[in-house]
C-alpha atoms as a PDB file:
ATOM      1  CA  MET A   1     111.061  34.163 -75.914  1.00  0.00           C
ATOM      2  CA  ILE A   2     112.356  30.420 -76.250  1.00  0.00           C
ATOM      3  CA  ARG A   3     115.733  30.216 -75.610  1.00  0.00           C
ATOM      4  CA  PRO A   4     117.899  27.058 -74.308  1.00  0.00           C
ATOM      5  CA  VAL A   5     118.826  26.316 -70.873  1.00  0.00           C
ATOM      6  CA  HIS A   6     121.911  28.001 -69.005  1.00  0.00           C
ATOM      7  CA  ILE A   7     123.273  26.524 -66.295  1.00  0.00           C
ATOM      8  CA  ASN A   8     122.519  29.961 -64.222  1.00  0.00           C
ATOM      9  CA  ASP A   9     119.091  29.084 -64.865  1.00  0.00           C
ATOM     10  CA  ALA A  10     118.765  26.065 -62.399  1.00  0.00           C
ATOM     11  CA  GLN A  11     117.514  28.218 -59.664  1.00  0.00           C
ATOM     12  CA  ALA A  12     114.348  29.550 -61.162  1.00  0.00           C
ATOM     13  CA  LEU A  13     113.728  26.044 -62.813  1.00  0.00           C
ATOM     14  CA  LEU A  14     113.902  24.419 -59.685  1.00  0.00           C
ATOM     15  CA  ASP A  15     111.496  27.201 -57.764  1.00  0.00           C
ATOM     16  CA  ILE A  16     109.277  25.923 -60.415  1.00  0.00           C
ATOM     17  CA  TYR A  17     109.637  22.266 -60.176  1.00  0.00           C
ATOM     18  CA  ASN A  18     109.680  22.556 -56.251  1.00  0.00           C
ATOM     19  CA  TYR A  19     106.255  24.171 -56.287  1.00  0.00           C
ATOM     20  CA  TYR A  20     104.938  21.259 -57.806  1.00  0.00           C
ATOM     21  CA  VAL A  21     106.743  18.697 -55.694  1.00  0.00           C
ATOM     22  CA  ILE A  22     105.168  20.012 -52.473  1.00  0.00           C
ATOM     23  CA  ASN A  23     101.717  21.197 -53.562  1.00  0.00           C
ATOM     24  CA  THR A  24     100.742  18.356 -56.281  1.00  0.00           C
ATOM     25  CA  THR A  25     101.227  15.094 -57.765  1.00  0.00           C
ATOM     26  CA  ALA A  26     102.353  15.834 -60.902  1.00  0.00           C
ATOM     27  CA  ASN A  27     105.516  14.345 -60.394  1.00  0.00           C
ATOM     28  CA  PHE A  28     106.778  11.477 -57.889  1.00  0.00           C
ATOM     29  CA  ASP A  29     109.091  13.314 -56.218  1.00  0.00           C
ATOM     30  CA  ILE A  30     108.306  13.310 -52.394  1.00  0.00           C
ATOM     31  CA  GLU A  31     110.754  16.141 -51.270  1.00  0.00           C
ATOM     32  CA  PRO A  32     111.838  19.273 -52.554  1.00  0.00           C
ATOM     33  CA  LEU A  33     115.132  18.777 -54.655  1.00  0.00           C
ATOM     34  CA  THR A  34     118.535  20.267 -54.096  1.00  0.00           C
ATOM     35  CA  ILE A  35     119.820  23.106 -56.124  1.00  0.00           C
ATOM     36  CA  GLU A  36     122.689  20.947 -56.526  1.00  0.00           C
ATOM     37  CA  THR A  37     120.723  17.488 -57.607  1.00  0.00           C
ATOM     38  CA  PHE A  38     118.630  19.762 -59.794  1.00  0.00           C
ATOM     39  CA  THR A  39     122.192  21.555 -61.415  1.00  0.00           C
ATOM     40  CA  GLU A  40     123.532  17.652 -61.474  1.00  0.00           C
ATOM     41  CA  LYS A  41     120.534  16.812 -63.395  1.00  0.00           C
ATOM     42  CA  ILE A  42     120.565  19.642 -65.978  1.00  0.00           C
ATOM     43  CA  ASN A  43     123.957  18.910 -66.849  1.00  0.00           C
ATOM     44  CA  ASN A  44     123.062  14.947 -67.487  1.00  0.00           C
ATOM     45  CA  ILE A  45     120.384  16.103 -69.902  1.00  0.00           C
ATOM     46  CA  ILE A  46     121.992  18.796 -71.823  1.00  0.00           C
ATOM     47  CA  PRO A  47     124.561  17.135 -74.039  1.00  0.00           C
ATOM     48  CA  ASN A  48     122.257  14.422 -75.134  1.00  0.00           C
ATOM     49  CA  TYR A  49     118.554  16.306 -75.544  1.00  0.00           C
ATOM     50  CA  PRO A  50     116.818  19.399 -76.274  1.00  0.00           C
ATOM     51  CA  TYR A  51     116.436  21.782 -73.057  1.00  0.00           C
ATOM     52  CA  ILE A  52     114.558  24.880 -73.205  1.00  0.00           C
ATOM     53  CA  VAL A  53     113.028  27.711 -71.376  1.00  0.00           C
ATOM     54  CA  TYR A  54     110.353  30.072 -71.836  1.00  0.00           C
ATOM     55  CA  GLU A  55     111.299  33.667 -70.699  1.00  0.00           C
ATOM     56  CA  GLU A  56     109.134  36.887 -70.105  1.00  0.00           C
ATOM     57  CA  ASN A  57     110.405  40.043 -69.063  1.00  0.00           C
ATOM     58  CA  ASN A  58     113.773  38.222 -67.802  1.00  0.00           C
ATOM     59  CA  LYS A  59     111.591  36.094 -65.910  1.00  0.00           C
ATOM     60  CA  ILE A  60     111.416  32.153 -66.704  1.00  0.00           C
ATOM     61  CA  LEU A  61     107.924  31.277 -66.717  1.00  0.00           C
ATOM     62  CA  GLY A  62     108.579  27.409 -67.919  1.00  0.00           C
ATOM     63  CA  TYR A  63     110.598  25.048 -69.522  1.00  0.00           C
ATOM     64  CA  ALA A  64     110.743  21.765 -71.197  1.00  0.00           C
ATOM     65  CA  TYR A  65     113.167  18.976 -71.927  1.00  0.00           C
ATOM     66  CA  GLY A  66     113.751  15.537 -73.345  1.00  0.00           C
ATOM     67  CA  SER A  67     115.183  12.937 -71.928  1.00  0.00           C
ATOM     68  CA  ARG A  68     116.414   9.369 -71.863  1.00  0.00           C
ATOM     69  CA  PHE A  69     113.064   7.051 -71.352  1.00  0.00           C
ATOM     70  CA  ARG A  70     114.851   3.697 -69.855  1.00  0.00           C
ATOM     71  CA  PRO A  71     118.621   2.968 -70.200  1.00  0.00           C
ATOM     72  CA  ARG A  72     118.837  -0.093 -72.168  1.00  0.00           C
ATOM     73  CA  ALA A  73     120.329   0.233 -75.935  1.00  0.00           C
ATOM     74  CA  ALA A  74     116.786  -0.876 -77.645  1.00  0.00           C
ATOM     75  CA  TYR A  75     115.431   2.387 -76.146  1.00  0.00           C
ATOM     76  CA  ASP A  76     118.010   4.850 -77.829  1.00  0.00           C
ATOM     77  CA  PHE A  77     115.623   5.901 -79.967  1.00  0.00           C
ATOM     78  CA  VAL A  78     112.777   7.496 -77.583  1.00  0.00           C
ATOM     79  CA  ALA A  79     112.741   9.994 -75.052  1.00  0.00           C
ATOM     80  CA  GLU A  80     110.258  10.897 -72.376  1.00  0.00           C
ATOM     81  CA  SER A  81     109.423  14.824 -72.568  1.00  0.00           C
ATOM     82  CA  THR A  82     108.685  17.046 -69.577  1.00  0.00           C
ATOM     83  CA  VAL A  83     107.328  20.522 -69.212  1.00  0.00           C
ATOM     84  CA  TYR A  84     106.667  22.588 -66.559  1.00  0.00           C
ATOM     85  CA  VAL A  85     105.160  26.099 -66.361  1.00  0.00           C
ATOM     86  CA  LYS A  86     105.289  28.455 -63.405  1.00  0.00           C
ATOM     87  CA  HIS A  87     102.118  27.454 -61.393  1.00  0.00           C
ATOM     88  CA  ASP A  88     100.735  31.116 -61.004  1.00  0.00           C
ATOM     89  CA  VAL A  89     100.752  31.792 -65.239  1.00  0.00           C
ATOM     90  CA  HIS A  90      98.747  29.410 -66.644  1.00  0.00           C
ATOM     91  CA  GLY A  91      96.443  29.847 -69.676  1.00  0.00           C
ATOM     92  CA  LYS A  92      98.740  32.017 -71.377  1.00  0.00           C
ATOM     93  CA  GLN A  93      99.773  29.009 -73.930  1.00  0.00           C
ATOM     94  CA  ILE A  94     103.210  28.644 -72.542  1.00  0.00           C
ATOM     95  CA  GLY A  95     103.239  25.181 -72.167  1.00  0.00           C
ATOM     96  CA  THR A  96     101.763  24.527 -75.901  1.00  0.00           C
ATOM     97  CA  LYS A  97     104.518  27.003 -77.021  1.00  0.00           C
ATOM     98  CA  LEU A  98     107.742  25.079 -75.163  1.00  0.00           C
ATOM     99  CA  TYR A  99     106.044  21.865 -76.272  1.00  0.00           C
ATOM    100  CA  THR A 100     105.649  22.819 -79.972  1.00  0.00           C
ATOM    101  CA  GLU A 101     109.421  23.959 -79.892  1.00  0.00           C
ATOM    102  CA  LEU A 102     110.449  21.198 -77.893  1.00  0.00           C
ATOM    103  CA  ILE A 103     108.968  18.514 -80.447  1.00  0.00           C
ATOM    104  CA  LYS A 104     110.484  20.641 -83.409  1.00  0.00           C
ATOM    105  CA  GLN A 105     114.042  20.379 -81.822  1.00  0.00           C
ATOM    106  CA  LEU A 106     113.330  16.421 -81.020  1.00  0.00           C
ATOM    107  CA  LYS A 107     112.428  15.479 -84.462  1.00  0.00           C
ATOM    108  CA  ALA A 108     115.254  17.232 -85.877  1.00  0.00           C
ATOM    109  CA  THR A 109     117.378  14.599 -83.883  1.00  0.00           C
ATOM    110  CA  ASP A 110     117.195  10.651 -84.700  1.00  0.00           C
ATOM    111  CA  LEU A 111     114.858  10.300 -82.097  1.00  0.00           C
ATOM    112  CA  HIS A 112     111.650   8.132 -83.420  1.00  0.00           C
ATOM    113  CA  THR A 113     109.238   8.622 -80.477  1.00  0.00           C
ATOM    114  CA  VAL A 114     108.736  11.066 -77.503  1.00  0.00           C
ATOM    115  CA  LEU A 115     106.629   9.961 -74.657  1.00  0.00           C
ATOM    116  CA  GLY A 116     104.901  11.760 -71.963  1.00  0.00           C
ATOM    117  CA  VAL A 117     104.231   9.994 -68.755  1.00  0.00           C
ATOM    118  CA  LEU A 118     101.322  12.054 -66.853  1.00  0.00           C
ATOM    119  CA  THR A 119      99.978  11.595 -63.343  1.00  0.00           C
ATOM    120  CA  ILE A 120      96.285  11.021 -63.863  1.00  0.00           C
ATOM    121  CA  PRO A 121      93.741  12.616 -63.761  1.00  0.00           C
ATOM    122  CA  ASN A 122      95.326  15.811 -65.085  1.00  0.00           C
ATOM    123  CA  GLU A 123      92.689  16.825 -67.653  1.00  0.00           C
ATOM    124  CA  ALA A 124      94.988  20.034 -68.937  1.00  0.00           C
ATOM    125  CA  SER A 125      98.187  18.267 -69.050  1.00  0.00           C
ATOM    126  CA  ILE A 126      96.296  15.325 -71.046  1.00  0.00           C
ATOM    127  CA  GLN A 127      94.248  18.300 -73.485  1.00  0.00           C
ATOM    128  CA  LEU A 128      97.879  19.748 -74.144  1.00  0.00           C
ATOM    129  CA  HIS A 129      99.501  16.425 -75.187  1.00  0.00           C
ATOM    130  CA  GLU A 130      96.335  15.046 -77.140  1.00  0.00           C
ATOM    131  CA  LYS A 131      96.123  19.015 -79.067  1.00  0.00           C
ATOM    132  CA  LEU A 132     100.015  18.506 -79.977  1.00  0.00           C
ATOM    133  CA  GLY A 133      98.873  14.830 -81.676  1.00  0.00           C
ATOM    134  CA  PHE A 134     100.224  12.330 -79.007  1.00  0.00           C
ATOM    135  CA  LYS A 135      97.856   9.357 -78.366  1.00  0.00           C
ATOM    136  CA  GLN A 136      97.426   7.499 -75.019  1.00  0.00           C
ATOM    137  CA  VAL A 137      98.857   4.012 -75.323  1.00  0.00           C
ATOM    138  CA  ALA A 138      99.011   3.117 -71.444  1.00  0.00           C
ATOM    139  CA  ASN A 139      96.852   3.370 -68.124  1.00  0.00           C
ATOM    140  CA  LEU A 140      98.937   1.880 -65.065  1.00  0.00           C
ATOM    141  CA  ARG A 141      96.855   1.849 -61.954  1.00  0.00           C
ATOM    142  CA  GLU A 142      98.177   2.813 -58.665  1.00  0.00           C
ATOM    143  CA  VAL A 143     102.056   2.921 -59.572  1.00  0.00           C
ATOM    144  CA  GLY A 144     103.069   5.679 -57.357  1.00  0.00           C
ATOM    145  CA  MET A 145     102.382   6.526 -53.958  1.00  0.00           C
ATOM    146  CA  LYS A 146     102.193  10.276 -52.681  1.00  0.00           C
ATOM    147  CA  PHE A 147     100.500  11.997 -49.966  1.00  0.00           C
ATOM    148  CA  GLY A 148      99.294   8.796 -48.738  1.00  0.00           C
ATOM    149  CA  LYS A 149      97.414   8.012 -51.690  1.00  0.00           C
ATOM    150  CA  TRP A 150      97.756   5.466 -54.946  1.00  0.00           C
ATOM    151  CA  GLN A 151      98.628   7.767 -57.871  1.00  0.00           C
ATOM    152  CA  HIS A 152      98.048   6.537 -61.708  1.00  0.00           C
ATOM    153  CA  VAL A 153      99.992   7.261 -64.560  1.00  0.00           C
ATOM    154  CA  GLY A 154      99.337   7.294 -68.189  1.00  0.00           C
ATOM    155  CA  ILE A 155     101.643   7.258 -71.199  1.00  0.00           C
ATOM    156  CA  TRP A 156     100.933   9.161 -74.247  1.00  0.00           C
ATOM    157  CA  GLN A 157     103.145   8.465 -77.344  1.00  0.00           C
ATOM    158  CA  LEU A 158     103.733  10.694 -80.256  1.00  0.00           C
ATOM    159  CA  LYS A 159     106.121   9.261 -83.387  1.00  0.00           C
ATOM    160  CA  LEU A 160     108.435  12.087 -84.712  1.00  0.00           C
ATOM    161  CA  ASN A 161     109.010   9.977 -87.826  1.00  0.00           C
END
């Protein structure tokens, strides 16, 4: 079941997120976030963008949200998308279901474009974005330092209207 996020979901979402912080280059946080920081992040997003969770048997297995791409007014019609699936439940199409619903909800707003910003290589995430109609529009080389290595970032774009 996909439903809107509730603030009391924060710990379950944080557990999913911090796994990727500690074990992967999927995001560029270096240290795990605290519950206070993560709760504040949720509270800053939900008034302005869709934020949804995927729940099965009363357990949150993934989440997705839109967020502001950049702070300047000219970017007001662009959102950055984020999707995380619990690391031990991949292969169940949870990411596809979440992303499909997120895009549907973003299309119901006045947003024009959504961007997926991915650490690359990341074949699973690239395939997910391209399956949903995103096109790669940028390849940024060596823009993040994590685990002592330079990381590359790709940007995938989907026009919403």
